[in-house]
PDB file of N, CA and C in Angstrom:
ATOM      1  N   MET A   1     -13.638 -11.879  -7.789  1.00  0.00           N
ATOM      2  CA  MET A   1     -14.328 -11.801  -5.979  1.00  0.00           C
ATOM      3  C   MET A   1     -12.737 -12.348  -5.995  1.00  0.00           C
ATOM      4  N   ALA A   2     -12.969 -12.292  -4.778  1.00  0.00           N
ATOM      5  CA  ALA A   2     -12.228 -13.422  -3.369  1.00  0.00           C
ATOM      6  C   ALA A   2     -12.535 -14.054  -3.649  1.00  0.00           C
ATOM      7  N   ILE A   3     -11.683 -14.567  -3.422  1.00  0.00           N
ATOM      8  CA  ILE A   3     -11.812 -17.028  -2.684  1.00  0.00           C
ATOM      9  C   ILE A   3     -11.645 -16.695  -1.725  1.00  0.00           C
ATOM     10  N   MET A   4     -12.359 -18.392  -1.228  1.00  0.00           N
ATOM     11  CA  MET A   4     -13.043 -18.189   0.339  1.00  0.00           C
ATOM     12  C   MET A   4     -12.624 -19.852   0.364  1.00  0.00           C
ATOM     13  N   ILE A   5     -12.717 -20.395   1.410  1.00  0.00           N
ATOM     14  CA  ILE A   5     -11.845 -21.679   1.650  1.00  0.00           C
ATOM     15  C   ILE A   5     -13.614 -21.643   3.153  1.00  0.00           C
ATOM     16  N   THR A   6     -14.196 -22.883   1.930  1.00  0.00           N
ATOM     17  CA  THR A   6     -15.236 -23.099   2.557  1.00  0.00           C
ATOM     18  C   THR A   6     -15.560 -24.787   3.800  1.00  0.00           C
ATOM     19  N   ASP A   7     -16.248 -24.887   4.458  1.00  0.00           N
ATOM     20  CA  ASP A   7     -15.542 -26.435   5.083  1.00  0.00           C
ATOM     21  C   ASP A   7     -15.751 -27.297   5.317  1.00  0.00           C
ATOM     22  N   GLU A   8     -15.264 -27.371   3.594  1.00  0.00           N
ATOM     23  CA  GLU A   8     -14.486 -28.579   3.661  1.00  0.00           C
ATOM     24  C   GLU A   8     -13.741 -28.938   3.420  1.00  0.00           C
ATOM     25  N   CYS A   9     -12.718 -28.416   4.243  1.00  0.00           N
ATOM     26  CA  CYS A   9     -11.005 -27.869   4.533  1.00  0.00           C
ATOM     27  C   CYS A   9     -11.067 -28.861   5.239  1.00  0.00           C
ATOM     28  N   ILE A  10      -9.585 -30.040   5.009  1.00  0.00           N
ATOM     29  CA  ILE A  10      -9.358 -30.798   5.589  1.00  0.00           C
ATOM     30  C   ILE A  10      -8.050 -29.937   6.476  1.00  0.00           C
ATOM     31  N   ASN A  11      -7.672 -29.074   6.143  1.00  0.00           N
ATOM     32  CA  ASN A  11      -6.949 -28.239   7.236  1.00  0.00           C
ATOM     33  C   ASN A  11      -5.082 -28.703   6.528  1.00  0.00           C
ATOM     34  N   CYS A  12      -5.272 -28.878   5.474  1.00  0.00           N
ATOM     35  CA  CYS A  12      -4.014 -29.599   4.750  1.00  0.00           C
ATOM     36  C   CYS A  12      -2.185 -28.442   4.590  1.00  0.00           C
ATOM     37  N   GLY A  13      -3.159 -27.271   4.520  1.00  0.00           N
ATOM     38  CA  GLY A  13      -1.719 -26.411   4.591  1.00  0.00           C
ATOM     39  C   GLY A  13      -1.294 -25.886   3.422  1.00  0.00           C
ATOM     40  N   ALA A  14      -1.438 -26.909   2.002  1.00  0.00           N
ATOM     41  CA  ALA A  14      -1.458 -26.780   0.995  1.00  0.00           C
ATOM     42  C   ALA A  14      -1.415 -25.780   0.500  1.00  0.00           C
ATOM     43  N   CYS A  15      -2.459 -24.409   0.459  1.00  0.00           N
ATOM     44  CA  CYS A  15      -2.639 -23.254   0.384  1.00  0.00           C
ATOM     45  C   CYS A  15      -1.854 -22.356   0.622  1.00  0.00           C
ATOM     46  N   GLU A  16      -1.900 -23.071   1.797  1.00  0.00           N
ATOM     47  CA  GLU A  16      -1.240 -21.641   2.324  1.00  0.00           C
ATOM     48  C   GLU A  16       0.235 -21.092   1.957  1.00  0.00           C
ATOM     49  N   PRO A  17       1.613 -21.461   1.509  1.00  0.00           N
ATOM     50  CA  PRO A  17       2.589 -20.962   1.208  1.00  0.00           C
ATOM     51  C   PRO A  17       2.562 -20.328  -0.694  1.00  0.00           C
ATOM     52  N   GLU A  18       1.443 -20.965  -1.132  1.00  0.00           N
ATOM     53  CA  GLU A  18       0.673 -19.936  -2.622  1.00  0.00           C
ATOM     54  C   GLU A  18       0.619 -18.829  -2.235  1.00  0.00           C
ATOM     55  N   CYS A  19       0.081 -18.304  -1.675  1.00  0.00           N
ATOM     56  CA  CYS A  19      -0.233 -17.062  -1.873  1.00  0.00           C
ATOM     57  C   CYS A  19       0.766 -16.565  -1.669  1.00  0.00           C
ATOM     58  N   PRO A  20       0.775 -14.830  -2.551  1.00  0.00           N
ATOM     59  CA  PRO A  20       1.622 -14.446  -3.320  1.00  0.00           C
ATOM     60  C   PRO A  20       1.153 -13.065  -2.311  1.00  0.00           C
ATOM     61  N   ASN A  21      -0.317 -12.779  -1.214  1.00  0.00           N
ATOM     62  CA  ASN A  21      -0.212 -12.054  -0.471  1.00  0.00           C
ATOM     63  C   ASN A  21      -0.237 -12.148   0.633  1.00  0.00           C
ATOM     64  N   THR A  22       0.041 -13.555   1.325  1.00  0.00           N
ATOM     65  CA  THR A  22       0.333 -14.333   1.896  1.00  0.00           C
ATOM     66  C   THR A  22      -1.308 -13.472   3.858  1.00  0.00           C
ATOM     67  N   ALA A  23      -2.811 -13.935   2.328  1.00  0.00           N
ATOM     68  CA  ALA A  23      -4.107 -13.927   2.748  1.00  0.00           C
ATOM     69  C   ALA A  23      -3.880 -15.049   3.868  1.00  0.00           C
ATOM     70  N   ILE A  24      -3.888 -16.411   3.446  1.00  0.00           N
ATOM     71  CA  ILE A  24      -4.180 -17.816   4.423  1.00  0.00           C
ATOM     72  C   ILE A  24      -3.299 -17.758   5.440  1.00  0.00           C
ATOM     73  N   TYR A  25      -4.645 -17.778   6.265  1.00  0.00           N
ATOM     74  CA  TYR A  25      -3.792 -18.323   7.444  1.00  0.00           C
ATOM     75  C   TYR A  25      -4.491 -19.476   7.813  1.00  0.00           C
ATOM     76  N   GLU A  26      -4.180 -20.177   9.115  1.00  0.00           N
ATOM     77  CA  GLU A  26      -4.283 -21.358   9.987  1.00  0.00           C
ATOM     78  C   GLU A  26      -5.257 -20.679  10.543  1.00  0.00           C
ATOM     79  N   GLY A  27      -6.584 -22.525  10.499  1.00  0.00           N
ATOM     80  CA  GLY A  27      -7.534 -21.487  11.759  1.00  0.00           C
ATOM     81  C   GLY A  27      -6.591 -20.931  12.987  1.00  0.00           C
ATOM     82  N   GLY A  28      -7.338 -19.895  13.880  1.00  0.00           N
ATOM     83  CA  GLY A  28      -6.990 -19.864  15.008  1.00  0.00           C
ATOM     84  C   GLY A  28      -6.448 -18.677  14.955  1.00  0.00           C
ATOM     85  N   VAL A  29      -5.635 -18.630  14.151  1.00  0.00           N
ATOM     86  CA  VAL A  29      -3.952 -17.388  14.170  1.00  0.00           C
ATOM     87  C   VAL A  29      -4.780 -16.668  13.845  1.00  0.00           C
ATOM     88  N   GLU A  30      -3.527 -15.641  14.283  1.00  0.00           N
ATOM     89  CA  GLU A  30      -4.197 -14.452  13.760  1.00  0.00           C
ATOM     90  C   GLU A  30      -2.802 -13.468  12.601  1.00  0.00           C
ATOM     91  N   TRP A  31      -3.743 -12.429  12.266  1.00  0.00           N
ATOM     92  CA  TRP A  31      -3.190 -12.222  10.683  1.00  0.00           C
ATOM     93  C   TRP A  31      -2.944 -11.007  11.287  1.00  0.00           C
ATOM     94  N   ARG A  32      -1.921 -10.604   9.681  1.00  0.00           N
ATOM     95  CA  ARG A  32      -1.282  -8.765   9.971  1.00  0.00           C
ATOM     96  C   ARG A  32      -1.769  -8.968   8.842  1.00  0.00           C
ATOM     97  N   TRP A  33      -2.243  -7.297   8.467  1.00  0.00           N
ATOM     98  CA  TRP A  33      -1.424  -6.511   7.143  1.00  0.00           C
ATOM     99  C   TRP A  33      -0.452  -6.258   6.688  1.00  0.00           C
ATOM    100  N   GLY A  34       0.572  -6.152   7.321  1.00  0.00           N
ATOM    101  CA  GLY A  34       1.893  -6.671   6.792  1.00  0.00           C
ATOM    102  C   GLY A  34       2.907  -7.997   6.694  1.00  0.00           C
ATOM    103  N   ASP A  35       1.956  -8.661   6.775  1.00  0.00           N
ATOM    104  CA  ASP A  35       2.800 -10.003   6.736  1.00  0.00           C
ATOM    105  C   ASP A  35       2.747 -10.400   4.709  1.00  0.00           C
ATOM    106  N   GLY A  36       3.833 -10.362   4.552  1.00  0.00           N
ATOM    107  CA  GLY A  36       3.720 -10.971   2.809  1.00  0.00           C
ATOM    108  C   GLY A  36       3.191  -9.811   1.880  1.00  0.00           C
ATOM    109  N   THR A  37       3.507  -8.458   2.537  1.00  0.00           N
ATOM    110  CA  THR A  37       3.411  -7.539   1.653  1.00  0.00           C
ATOM    111  C   THR A  37       4.137  -5.640   2.094  1.00  0.00           C
ATOM    112  N   ASP A  38       3.980  -4.990   1.280  1.00  0.00           N
ATOM    113  CA  ASP A  38       4.548  -3.574   1.364  1.00  0.00           C
ATOM    114  C   ASP A  38       4.154  -2.447   2.549  1.00  0.00           C
ATOM    115  N   LEU A  39       2.775  -2.725   3.475  1.00  0.00           N
ATOM    116  CA  LEU A  39       2.331  -2.043   3.843  1.00  0.00           C
ATOM    117  C   LEU A  39       3.127  -1.461   5.795  1.00  0.00           C
ATOM    118  N   GLU A  40       3.026  -0.547   5.763  1.00  0.00           N
ATOM    119  CA  GLU A  40       3.677  -0.092   6.801  1.00  0.00           C
ATOM    120  C   GLU A  40       2.595   0.214   8.441  1.00  0.00           C
ATOM    121  N   THR A  41       1.697   0.966   7.533  1.00  0.00           N
ATOM    122  CA  THR A  41      -0.180   1.226   7.601  1.00  0.00           C
ATOM    123  C   THR A  41      -1.238   1.384   6.895  1.00  0.00           C
ATOM    124  N   VAL A  42      -2.022   0.869   7.818  1.00  0.00           N
ATOM    125  CA  VAL A  42      -3.186   0.575   6.849  1.00  0.00           C
ATOM    126  C   VAL A  42      -4.549   1.405   7.034  1.00  0.00           C
ATOM    127  N   GLU A  43      -5.685   2.726   6.444  1.00  0.00           N
ATOM    128  CA  GLU A  43      -5.624   3.433   6.686  1.00  0.00           C
ATOM    129  C   GLU A  43      -8.072   1.823   6.445  1.00  0.00           C
ATOM    130  N   LEU A  44      -8.162   1.962   7.790  1.00  0.00           N
ATOM    131  CA  LEU A  44      -9.167   1.314   8.186  1.00  0.00           C
ATOM    132  C   LEU A  44     -10.959   2.016   6.352  1.00  0.00           C
ATOM    133  N   GLU A  45     -11.596   1.547   6.609  1.00  0.00           N
ATOM    134  CA  GLU A  45     -12.940   2.384   6.178  1.00  0.00           C
ATOM    135  C   GLU A  45     -13.682   3.055   6.706  1.00  0.00           C
ATOM    136  N   ASP A  46     -13.204   3.034   8.549  1.00  0.00           N
ATOM    137  CA  ASP A  46     -13.881   3.878   8.965  1.00  0.00           C
ATOM    138  C   ASP A  46     -13.267   5.554   8.921  1.00  0.00           C
ATOM    139  N   GLY A  47     -11.484   5.463   8.703  1.00  0.00           N
ATOM    140  CA  GLY A  47     -11.521   6.380   8.597  1.00  0.00           C
ATOM    141  C   GLY A  47      -9.716   5.548   9.419  1.00  0.00           C
ATOM    142  N   THR A  48     -10.017   5.239  10.657  1.00  0.00           N
ATOM    143  CA  THR A  48      -8.631   4.804  11.644  1.00  0.00           C
ATOM    144  C   THR A  48      -7.422   4.065  11.027  1.00  0.00           C
ATOM    145  N   VAL A  49      -6.278   4.900  11.656  1.00  0.00           N
ATOM    146  CA  VAL A  49      -4.692   4.637  11.097  1.00  0.00           C
ATOM    147  C   VAL A  49      -4.149   3.076  12.477  1.00  0.00           C
ATOM    148  N   ILE A  50      -3.937   2.535  10.843  1.00  0.00           N
ATOM    149  CA  ILE A  50      -3.469   1.070  12.294  1.00  0.00           C
ATOM    150  C   ILE A  50      -1.950   0.379  11.914  1.00  0.00           C
ATOM    151  N   ASP A  51      -0.923   0.148  12.166  1.00  0.00           N
ATOM    152  CA  ASP A  51      -0.126  -0.347  12.044  1.00  0.00           C
ATOM    153  C   ASP A  51      -0.402  -1.856  11.372  1.00  0.00           C
ATOM    154  N   ALA A  52       0.399  -1.645  10.800  1.00  0.00           N
ATOM    155  CA  ALA A  52       0.109  -3.160   9.663  1.00  0.00           C
ATOM    156  C   ALA A  52       0.555  -4.306  10.208  1.00  0.00           C
ATOM    157  N   ASN A  53       1.392  -3.784  11.384  1.00  0.00           N
ATOM    158  CA  ASN A  53       2.153  -5.509  11.955  1.00  0.00           C
ATOM    159  C   ASN A  53       1.211  -5.900  13.173  1.00  0.00           C
ATOM    160  N   GLU A  54       0.280  -4.922  13.145  1.00  0.00           N
ATOM    161  CA  GLU A  54      -1.272  -4.464  14.694  1.00  0.00           C
ATOM    162  C   GLU A  54      -1.547  -6.833  14.043  1.00  0.00           C
ATOM    163  N   PRO A  55      -1.413  -7.387  15.276  1.00  0.00           N
ATOM    164  CA  PRO A  55      -2.273  -8.559  15.200  1.00  0.00           C
ATOM    165  C   PRO A  55      -3.474  -8.133  14.840  1.00  0.00           C
ATOM    166  N   GLN A  56      -4.439  -9.380  14.036  1.00  0.00           N
ATOM    167  CA  GLN A  56      -5.867  -8.894  13.939  1.00  0.00           C
ATOM    168  C   GLN A  56      -6.519 -10.318  14.137  1.00  0.00           C
ATOM    169  N   THR A  57      -7.932 -10.303  14.153  1.00  0.00           N
ATOM    170  CA  THR A  57      -8.020 -11.631  15.018  1.00  0.00           C
ATOM    171  C   THR A  57      -8.869 -13.310  13.727  1.00  0.00           C
ATOM    172  N   PRO A  58      -8.384 -13.605  13.725  1.00  0.00           N
ATOM    173  CA  PRO A  58      -8.930 -14.609  13.215  1.00  0.00           C
ATOM    174  C   PRO A  58     -10.415 -14.567  12.457  1.00  0.00           C
ATOM    175  N   VAL A  59     -10.031 -14.758  11.357  1.00  0.00           N
ATOM    176  CA  VAL A  59     -11.599 -15.220  10.464  1.00  0.00           C
ATOM    177  C   VAL A  59     -11.904 -16.172  10.707  1.00  0.00           C
ATOM    178  N   SER A  60     -11.857 -17.786  10.796  1.00  0.00           N
ATOM    179  CA  SER A  60     -11.679 -18.567  11.612  1.00  0.00           C
ATOM    180  C   SER A  60     -11.120 -19.736  12.167  1.00  0.00           C
ATOM    181  N   ASP A  61     -11.360 -20.090  13.742  1.00  0.00           N
ATOM    182  CA  ASP A  61     -10.652 -20.344  14.747  1.00  0.00           C
ATOM    183  C   ASP A  61     -11.030 -22.402  14.136  1.00  0.00           C
ATOM    184  N   GLU A  62     -11.294 -22.860  13.484  1.00  0.00           N
ATOM    185  CA  GLU A  62     -11.535 -23.829  12.843  1.00  0.00           C
ATOM    186  C   GLU A  62     -10.756 -24.674  11.887  1.00  0.00           C
ATOM    187  N   PHE A  63     -11.021 -23.759  10.760  1.00  0.00           N
ATOM    188  CA  PHE A  63      -9.797 -23.926   9.539  1.00  0.00           C
ATOM    189  C   PHE A  63      -9.487 -22.653   8.843  1.00  0.00           C
ATOM    190  N   TYR A  64      -8.505 -23.295   8.001  1.00  0.00           N
ATOM    191  CA  TYR A  64      -7.569 -22.919   7.067  1.00  0.00           C
ATOM    192  C   TYR A  64      -8.768 -21.330   6.080  1.00  0.00           C
ATOM    193  N   TYR A  65      -8.387 -20.047   6.495  1.00  0.00           N
ATOM    194  CA  TYR A  65      -9.273 -19.046   5.996  1.00  0.00           C
ATOM    195  C   TYR A  65      -8.002 -17.932   5.366  1.00  0.00           C
ATOM    196  N   ILE A  66      -8.821 -17.240   4.704  1.00  0.00           N
ATOM    197  CA  ILE A  66      -8.555 -16.811   3.298  1.00  0.00           C
ATOM    198  C   ILE A  66      -9.171 -15.019   4.116  1.00  0.00           C
ATOM    199  N   VAL A  67      -8.402 -14.231   3.809  1.00  0.00           N
ATOM    200  CA  VAL A  67      -8.433 -12.781   4.619  1.00  0.00           C
ATOM    201  C   VAL A  67      -8.818 -12.260   2.833  1.00  0.00           C
ATOM    202  N   THR A  68     -10.034 -11.729   3.240  1.00  0.00           N
ATOM    203  CA  THR A  68     -10.726 -10.904   1.886  1.00  0.00           C
ATOM    204  C   THR A  68      -9.932  -9.915   1.752  1.00  0.00           C
ATOM    205  N   ASP A  69      -9.889  -8.748   2.481  1.00  0.00           N
ATOM    206  CA  ASP A  69      -8.925  -7.892   1.526  1.00  0.00           C
ATOM    207  C   ASP A  69      -7.895  -7.753   1.852  1.00  0.00           C
ATOM    208  N   LYS A  70      -7.354  -8.981   1.494  1.00  0.00           N
ATOM    209  CA  LYS A  70      -6.135  -9.032   1.251  1.00  0.00           C
ATOM    210  C   LYS A  70      -4.956 -10.816  -0.536  1.00  0.00           C
ATOM    211  N   CYS A  71      -6.842 -11.014  -0.468  1.00  0.00           N
ATOM    212  CA  CYS A  71      -6.687 -11.600  -1.409  1.00  0.00           C
ATOM    213  C   CYS A  71      -7.050 -10.639  -2.833  1.00  0.00           C
ATOM    214  N   THR A  72      -5.918 -10.732  -3.501  1.00  0.00           N
ATOM    215  CA  THR A  72      -6.002 -11.030  -5.509  1.00  0.00           C
ATOM    216  C   THR A  72      -6.535 -11.470  -6.132  1.00  0.00           C
ATOM    217  N   GLU A  73      -6.767 -12.847  -5.565  1.00  0.00           N
ATOM    218  CA  GLU A  73      -6.889 -14.162  -6.917  1.00  0.00           C
ATOM    219  C   GLU A  73      -5.923 -13.871  -7.586  1.00  0.00           C
ATOM    220  N   CYS A  74      -4.514 -13.840  -6.394  1.00  0.00           N
ATOM    221  CA  CYS A  74      -2.747 -13.933  -7.901  1.00  0.00           C
ATOM    222  C   CYS A  74      -2.626 -13.401  -8.494  1.00  0.00           C
ATOM    223  N   MET A  75      -4.229 -11.687  -8.907  1.00  0.00           N
ATOM    224  CA  MET A  75      -3.422 -11.698  -9.835  1.00  0.00           C
ATOM    225  C   MET A  75      -2.590 -10.006 -10.145  1.00  0.00           C
ATOM    226  N   GLY A  76      -1.995 -10.497 -10.942  1.00  0.00           N
ATOM    227  CA  GLY A  76      -0.563  -9.448 -11.451  1.00  0.00           C
ATOM    228  C   GLY A  76       0.489 -10.452 -11.146  1.00  0.00           C
ATOM    229  N   PHE A  77       0.186 -11.654  -9.747  1.00  0.00           N
ATOM    230  CA  PHE A  77       1.021 -12.613  -9.681  1.00  0.00           C
ATOM    231  C   PHE A  77       1.512 -13.771 -10.863  1.00  0.00           C
ATOM    232  N   HIS A  78       0.361 -14.546 -10.956  1.00  0.00           N
ATOM    233  CA  HIS A  78      -0.532 -15.374 -11.866  1.00  0.00           C
ATOM    234  C   HIS A  78      -1.306 -15.238 -12.679  1.00  0.00           C
ATOM    235  N   GLU A  79      -2.112 -16.388 -13.547  1.00  0.00           N
ATOM    236  CA  GLU A  79      -2.832 -16.655 -14.182  1.00  0.00           C
ATOM    237  C   GLU A  79      -3.965 -17.072 -13.549  1.00  0.00           C
ATOM    238  N   GLU A  80      -3.946 -17.308 -12.970  1.00  0.00           N
ATOM    239  CA  GLU A  80      -5.237 -18.188 -11.415  1.00  0.00           C
ATOM    240  C   GLU A  80      -4.908 -18.381  -9.832  1.00  0.00           C
ATOM    241  N   PRO A  81      -5.644 -18.357  -9.518  1.00  0.00           N
ATOM    242  CA  PRO A  81      -5.775 -18.808  -7.642  1.00  0.00           C
ATOM    243  C   PRO A  81      -4.861 -19.483  -8.029  1.00  0.00           C
ATOM    244  N   GLN A  82      -3.653 -19.912  -7.225  1.00  0.00           N
ATOM    245  CA  GLN A  82      -2.478 -20.604  -6.667  1.00  0.00           C
ATOM    246  C   GLN A  82      -3.360 -20.976  -5.687  1.00  0.00           C
ATOM    247  N   CYS A  83      -4.157 -21.031  -5.141  1.00  0.00           N
ATOM    248  CA  CYS A  83      -4.331 -21.381  -3.316  1.00  0.00           C
ATOM    249  C   CYS A  83      -5.584 -23.090  -4.595  1.00  0.00           C
ATOM    250  N   ALA A  84      -6.131 -22.743  -5.092  1.00  0.00           N
ATOM    251  CA  ALA A  84      -7.456 -23.369  -5.976  1.00  0.00           C
ATOM    252  C   ALA A  84      -6.250 -24.260  -6.166  1.00  0.00           C
ATOM    253  N   MET A  85      -5.000 -24.104  -7.079  1.00  0.00           N
ATOM    254  CA  MET A  85      -4.631 -24.952  -7.571  1.00  0.00           C
ATOM    255  C   MET A  85      -3.905 -26.303  -7.118  1.00  0.00           C
ATOM    256  N   VAL A  86      -3.664 -25.993  -5.836  1.00  0.00           N
ATOM    257  CA  VAL A  86      -3.256 -26.295  -5.044  1.00  0.00           C
ATOM    258  C   VAL A  86      -4.444 -27.442  -4.849  1.00  0.00           C
ATOM    259  N   CYS A  87      -5.358 -26.868  -3.801  1.00  0.00           N
ATOM    260  CA  CYS A  87      -6.018 -27.470  -3.092  1.00  0.00           C
ATOM    261  C   CYS A  87      -6.831 -28.919  -3.609  1.00  0.00           C
ATOM    262  N   PRO A  88      -5.960 -30.191  -2.440  1.00  0.00           N
ATOM    263  CA  PRO A  88      -6.668 -31.559  -2.710  1.00  0.00           C
ATOM    264  C   PRO A  88      -8.421 -31.721  -3.355  1.00  0.00           C
ATOM    265  N   VAL A  89      -8.744 -30.569  -2.012  1.00  0.00           N
ATOM    266  CA  VAL A  89     -10.527 -31.645  -1.744  1.00  0.00           C
ATOM    267  C   VAL A  89     -11.189 -30.735  -2.732  1.00  0.00           C
ATOM    268  N   ASP A  90     -10.476 -29.083  -3.147  1.00  0.00           N
ATOM    269  CA  ASP A  90     -11.004 -28.455  -3.608  1.00  0.00           C
ATOM    270  C   ASP A  90     -12.366 -27.422  -3.198  1.00  0.00           C
ATOM    271  N   CYS A  91     -11.211 -26.609  -1.650  1.00  0.00           N
ATOM    272  CA  CYS A  91     -12.013 -26.197  -1.034  1.00  0.00           C
ATOM    273  C   CYS A  91     -12.057 -24.222  -1.017  1.00  0.00           C
ATOM    274  N   CYS A  92     -10.773 -24.206  -2.322  1.00  0.00           N
ATOM    275  CA  CYS A  92     -10.893 -23.060  -2.724  1.00  0.00           C
ATOM    276  C   CYS A  92     -11.076 -22.107  -3.259  1.00  0.00           C
ATOM    277  N   VAL A  93     -12.854 -21.479  -3.194  1.00  0.00           N
ATOM    278  CA  VAL A  93     -13.810 -21.157  -4.813  1.00  0.00           C
ATOM    279  C   VAL A  93     -14.480 -19.485  -4.667  1.00  0.00           C
ATOM    280  N   PRO A  94     -14.178 -19.282  -5.734  1.00  0.00           N
ATOM    281  CA  PRO A  94     -15.024 -17.628  -5.734  1.00  0.00           C
ATOM    282  C   PRO A  94     -15.596 -17.296  -4.435  1.00  0.00           C
ATOM    283  N   ASP A  95     -15.109 -16.317  -3.516  1.00  0.00           N
ATOM    284  CA  ASP A  95     -16.295 -15.807  -2.432  1.00  0.00           C
ATOM    285  C   ASP A  95     -17.787 -14.890  -3.644  1.00  0.00           C
ATOM    286  N   PRO A  96     -18.491 -15.514  -3.209  1.00  0.00           N
ATOM    287  CA  PRO A  96     -19.987 -14.635  -3.872  1.00  0.00           C
ATOM    288  C   PRO A  96     -20.128 -13.213  -3.278  1.00  0.00           C
ATOM    289  N   ASP A  97     -19.856 -12.988  -1.797  1.00  0.00           N
ATOM    290  CA  ASP A  97     -20.073 -12.634  -1.174  1.00  0.00           C
ATOM    291  C   ASP A  97     -19.117 -10.858  -1.632  1.00  0.00           C
ATOM    292  N   HIS A  98     -18.218 -12.015  -2.770  1.00  0.00           N
ATOM    293  CA  HIS A  98     -16.942 -10.383  -2.418  1.00  0.00           C
ATOM    294  C   HIS A  98     -16.548 -10.012  -3.810  1.00  0.00           C
ATOM    295  N   GLU A  99     -17.403  -9.840  -4.759  1.00  0.00           N
ATOM    296  CA  GLU A  99     -16.545  -9.788  -6.377  1.00  0.00           C
ATOM    297  C   GLU A  99     -16.339  -8.597  -6.242  1.00  0.00           C
ATOM    298  N   GLU A 100     -15.454  -8.618  -7.453  1.00  0.00           N
ATOM    299  CA  GLU A 100     -14.219  -7.737  -7.152  1.00  0.00           C
ATOM    300  C   GLU A 100     -13.821  -7.943  -9.211  1.00  0.00           C
ATOM    301  N   THR A 101     -13.229  -6.497  -9.320  1.00  0.00           N
ATOM    302  CA  THR A 101     -12.933  -6.651 -11.061  1.00  0.00           C
ATOM    303  C   THR A 101     -11.384  -6.358 -11.090  1.00  0.00           C
ATOM    304  N   GLU A 102     -11.308  -6.808 -12.660  1.00  0.00           N
ATOM    305  CA  GLU A 102      -9.708  -7.589 -11.915  1.00  0.00           C
ATOM    306  C   GLU A 102      -9.246  -5.904 -12.117  1.00  0.00           C
ATOM    307  N   ASP A 103      -9.510  -4.676 -12.117  1.00  0.00           N
ATOM    308  CA  ASP A 103      -8.972  -3.186 -12.431  1.00  0.00           C
ATOM    309  C   ASP A 103      -9.383  -3.525 -10.584  1.00  0.00           C
ATOM    310  N   GLN A 104      -9.975  -3.596  -9.728  1.00  0.00           N
ATOM    311  CA  GLN A 104     -10.180  -3.596  -8.205  1.00  0.00           C
ATOM    312  C   GLN A 104      -8.888  -4.854  -7.398  1.00  0.00           C
ATOM    313  N   LEU A 105      -8.615  -6.223  -8.069  1.00  0.00           N
ATOM    314  CA  LEU A 105      -8.204  -6.710  -7.935  1.00  0.00           C
ATOM    315  C   LEU A 105      -6.293  -6.199  -8.077  1.00  0.00           C
ATOM    316  N   LEU A 106      -5.950  -5.823  -9.421  1.00  0.00           N
ATOM    317  CA  LEU A 106      -4.975  -5.341  -9.096  1.00  0.00           C
ATOM    318  C   LEU A 106      -4.445  -4.093  -8.763  1.00  0.00           C
ATOM    319  N   GLY A 107      -5.581  -3.343  -7.974  1.00  0.00           N
ATOM    320  CA  GLY A 107      -5.613  -2.190  -7.594  1.00  0.00           C
ATOM    321  C   GLY A 107      -4.545  -2.294  -6.630  1.00  0.00           C
ATOM    322  N   LYS A 108      -5.502  -2.933  -5.772  1.00  0.00           N
ATOM    323  CA  LYS A 108      -5.702  -4.313  -3.692  1.00  0.00           C
ATOM    324  C   LYS A 108      -4.356  -4.168  -4.309  1.00  0.00           C
ATOM    325  N   LYS A 109      -3.848  -5.397  -5.216  1.00  0.00           N
ATOM    326  CA  LYS A 109      -1.692  -5.917  -5.579  1.00  0.00           C
ATOM    327  C   LYS A 109      -1.248  -4.591  -5.364  1.00  0.00           C
ATOM    328  N   ALA A 110      -1.140  -3.821  -6.224  1.00  0.00           N
ATOM    329  CA  ALA A 110      -0.499  -2.201  -6.292  1.00  0.00           C
ATOM    330  C   ALA A 110      -0.154  -1.648  -4.757  1.00  0.00           C
ATOM    331  N   TYR A 111      -1.578  -1.814  -4.521  1.00  0.00           N
ATOM    332  CA  TYR A 111      -2.151  -0.900  -3.033  1.00  0.00           C
ATOM    333  C   TYR A 111      -0.474  -1.639  -1.941  1.00  0.00           C
ATOM    334  N   MET A 112      -0.556  -3.152  -1.918  1.00  0.00           N
ATOM    335  CA  MET A 112       0.342  -3.741  -0.938  1.00  0.00           C
ATOM    336  C   MET A 112       1.929  -3.880  -1.457  1.00  0.00           C
ATOM    337  N   HIS A 113       1.292  -3.501  -2.546  1.00  0.00           N
ATOM    338  CA  HIS A 113       3.101  -4.397  -3.079  1.00  0.00           C
ATOM    339  C   HIS A 113       3.649  -3.126  -4.068  1.00  0.00           C
ATOM    340  N   LYS A 114       4.077  -2.545  -2.620  1.00  0.00           N
ATOM    341  CA  LYS A 114       4.473  -0.713  -3.683  1.00  0.00           C
ATOM    342  C   LYS A 114       5.945  -1.181  -4.579  1.00  0.00           C
TER     343      LYS A 114
END
């Protein structure tokens, strides 16, 4: 499953530089598919193709957040999620609403890092 940041986040920013997919953003900051990946375009679930550098709406305006579709739980990079390793308040936790298998996570990593 993807990792999420709970509302216990103290906005310290320790997690952001640890993410190999650049899936973690400061609250209120727009995110991009292309940040930290090799993606140039992305096909959305509805079939729409967008420029990977097109800004996307922030997931949270208050706290650091993780873009679920970019999170691979560090699979293929590290043995465990690095954000959870460095979080001083243990607010980087598995997201029960986005369960994924190891194969799905590795597939996502291969898609983003060609």
